[in-house]
């Protein structure tokens, strides 16, 4: 389970974890955990496609969380 300060993030992240648990266990957890360490407003902006320099490296992961793409292990 994943809890953040924004309900919108909770919904997106919990759905993502539930549907990609096997892929995350196969090697994507470190990147996902690093993504979760940034502030909620930056995570939200990244998920909306508004990447900053701090979140640019997470663009593929953000697309997968949004449902626009799959993870590449």
C-alpha atoms as a PDB file:
ATOM      1  CA  UNK A   1       0.000   0.000   0.000  1.00  0.00           C
ATOM      2  CA  UNK A   2       1.142   3.532  -0.713  1.00  0.00           C
ATOM      3  CA  UNK A   3      -0.143   6.596   1.128  1.00  0.00           C
ATOM      4  CA  UNK A   4       0.629  10.183   0.201  1.00  0.00           C
ATOM      5  CA  UNK A   5      -0.732  13.568   1.216  1.00  0.00           C
ATOM      6  CA  UNK A   6      -2.947  13.825  -1.860  1.00  0.00           C
ATOM      7  CA  UNK A   7      -5.895  11.486  -2.395  1.00  0.00           C
ATOM      8  CA  UNK A   8      -5.306  11.641  -6.164  1.00  0.00           C
ATOM      9  CA  UNK A   9      -1.789  10.274  -5.703  1.00  0.00           C
ATOM     10  CA  UNK A  10      -3.044   7.533  -3.386  1.00  0.00           C
ATOM     11  CA  UNK A  11      -5.504   6.352  -6.030  1.00  0.00           C
ATOM     12  CA  UNK A  12      -3.014   6.400  -8.916  1.00  0.00           C
ATOM     13  CA  UNK A  13      -0.132   4.847  -7.000  1.00  0.00           C
ATOM     14  CA  UNK A  14      -2.163   2.114  -5.321  1.00  0.00           C
ATOM     15  CA  UNK A  15      -3.692   1.110  -8.671  1.00  0.00           C
ATOM     16  CA  UNK A  16      -0.230   1.080 -10.243  1.00  0.00           C
ATOM     17  CA  UNK A  17       1.260  -1.082  -7.483  1.00  0.00           C
ATOM     18  CA  UNK A  18      -1.620  -3.543  -7.646  1.00  0.00           C
ATOM     19  CA  UNK A  19      -1.348  -3.985 -11.409  1.00  0.00           C
ATOM     20  CA  UNK A  20       2.478  -3.956 -11.692  1.00  0.00           C
ATOM     21  CA  UNK A  21       3.627  -5.747  -8.562  1.00  0.00           C
ATOM     22  CA  UNK A  22       5.450  -8.508 -10.461  1.00  0.00           C
ATOM     23  CA  UNK A  23       7.309  -6.023 -12.671  1.00  0.00           C
ATOM     24  CA  UNK A  24       8.236  -3.896  -9.689  1.00  0.00           C
ATOM     25  CA  UNK A  25       9.573  -6.938  -7.843  1.00  0.00           C
ATOM     26  CA  UNK A  26      11.615  -7.832 -10.938  1.00  0.00           C
ATOM     27  CA  UNK A  27      13.764  -4.739 -10.627  1.00  0.00           C
ATOM     28  CA  UNK A  28      11.780  -1.517 -10.764  1.00  0.00           C
ATOM     29  CA  UNK A  29      11.362  -0.981  -7.002  1.00  0.00           C
ATOM     30  CA  UNK A  30      14.521   1.175  -6.578  1.00  0.00           C
ATOM     31  CA  UNK A  31      13.374   3.638  -9.240  1.00  0.00           C
ATOM     32  CA  UNK A  32       9.822   3.651  -7.872  1.00  0.00           C
ATOM     33  CA  UNK A  33      11.073   4.196  -4.315  1.00  0.00           C
ATOM     34  CA  UNK A  34      13.263   7.089  -5.503  1.00  0.00           C
ATOM     35  CA  UNK A  35      10.212   8.557  -7.247  1.00  0.00           C
ATOM     36  CA  UNK A  36       8.240   8.381  -4.006  1.00  0.00           C
ATOM     37  CA  UNK A  37      10.939  10.345  -2.157  1.00  0.00           C
ATOM     38  CA  UNK A  38      10.189  13.555  -4.055  1.00  0.00           C
ATOM     39  CA  UNK A  39       7.549  15.974  -2.804  1.00  0.00           C
ATOM     40  CA  UNK A  40       3.877  15.365  -3.583  1.00  0.00           C
ATOM     41  CA  UNK A  41       3.508  18.472  -5.727  1.00  0.00           C
ATOM     42  CA  UNK A  42       6.458  17.421  -7.906  1.00  0.00           C
ATOM     43  CA  UNK A  43       5.130  13.854  -8.162  1.00  0.00           C
ATOM     44  CA  UNK A  44       1.725  15.228  -9.177  1.00  0.00           C
ATOM     45  CA  UNK A  45       3.272  17.548 -11.788  1.00  0.00           C
ATOM     46  CA  UNK A  46       5.333  14.677 -13.182  1.00  0.00           C
ATOM     47  CA  UNK A  47       2.262  12.459 -13.431  1.00  0.00           C
ATOM     48  CA  UNK A  48       0.463  15.248 -15.295  1.00  0.00           C
ATOM     49  CA  UNK A  49       3.378  15.446 -17.753  1.00  0.00           C
ATOM     50  CA  UNK A  50       4.830  18.657 -16.359  1.00  0.00           C
ATOM     51  CA  UNK A  51       8.363  17.441 -15.749  1.00  0.00           C
ATOM     52  CA  UNK A  52      10.912  19.556 -13.951  1.00  0.00           C
ATOM     53  CA  UNK A  53      14.634  18.908 -13.961  1.00  0.00           C
ATOM     54  CA  UNK A  54      14.128  16.909 -10.754  1.00  0.00           C
ATOM     55  CA  UNK A  55      11.481  14.617 -12.267  1.00  0.00           C
ATOM     56  CA  UNK A  56      12.657  14.297 -15.889  1.00  0.00           C
ATOM     57  CA  UNK A  57      14.370  10.977 -15.189  1.00  0.00           C
ATOM     58  CA  UNK A  58      11.025   9.585 -14.008  1.00  0.00           C
ATOM     59  CA  UNK A  59       9.089  10.323 -17.205  1.00  0.00           C
ATOM     60  CA  UNK A  60       8.886   6.648 -18.300  1.00  0.00           C
ATOM     61  CA  UNK A  61       7.762   5.572 -14.835  1.00  0.00           C
ATOM     62  CA  UNK A  62       5.205   8.399 -14.714  1.00  0.00           C
ATOM     63  CA  UNK A  63       3.794   7.284 -18.082  1.00  0.00           C
ATOM     64  CA  UNK A  64       3.432   3.747 -16.731  1.00  0.00           C
ATOM     65  CA  UNK A  65       1.688   5.032 -13.596  1.00  0.00           C
ATOM     66  CA  UNK A  66      -0.703   7.067 -15.733  1.00  0.00           C
ATOM     67  CA  UNK A  67      -1.353   3.959 -17.814  1.00  0.00           C
ATOM     68  CA  UNK A  68       0.188   5.417 -20.987  1.00  0.00           C
ATOM     69  CA  UNK A  69       2.999   2.856 -21.164  1.00  0.00           C
ATOM     70  CA  UNK A  70       4.292  -0.328 -19.577  1.00  0.00           C
ATOM     71  CA  UNK A  71       7.395  -0.745 -17.467  1.00  0.00           C
ATOM     72  CA  UNK A  72      10.572  -1.960 -19.067  1.00  0.00           C
ATOM     73  CA  UNK A  73      12.484  -4.255 -16.720  1.00  0.00           C
END
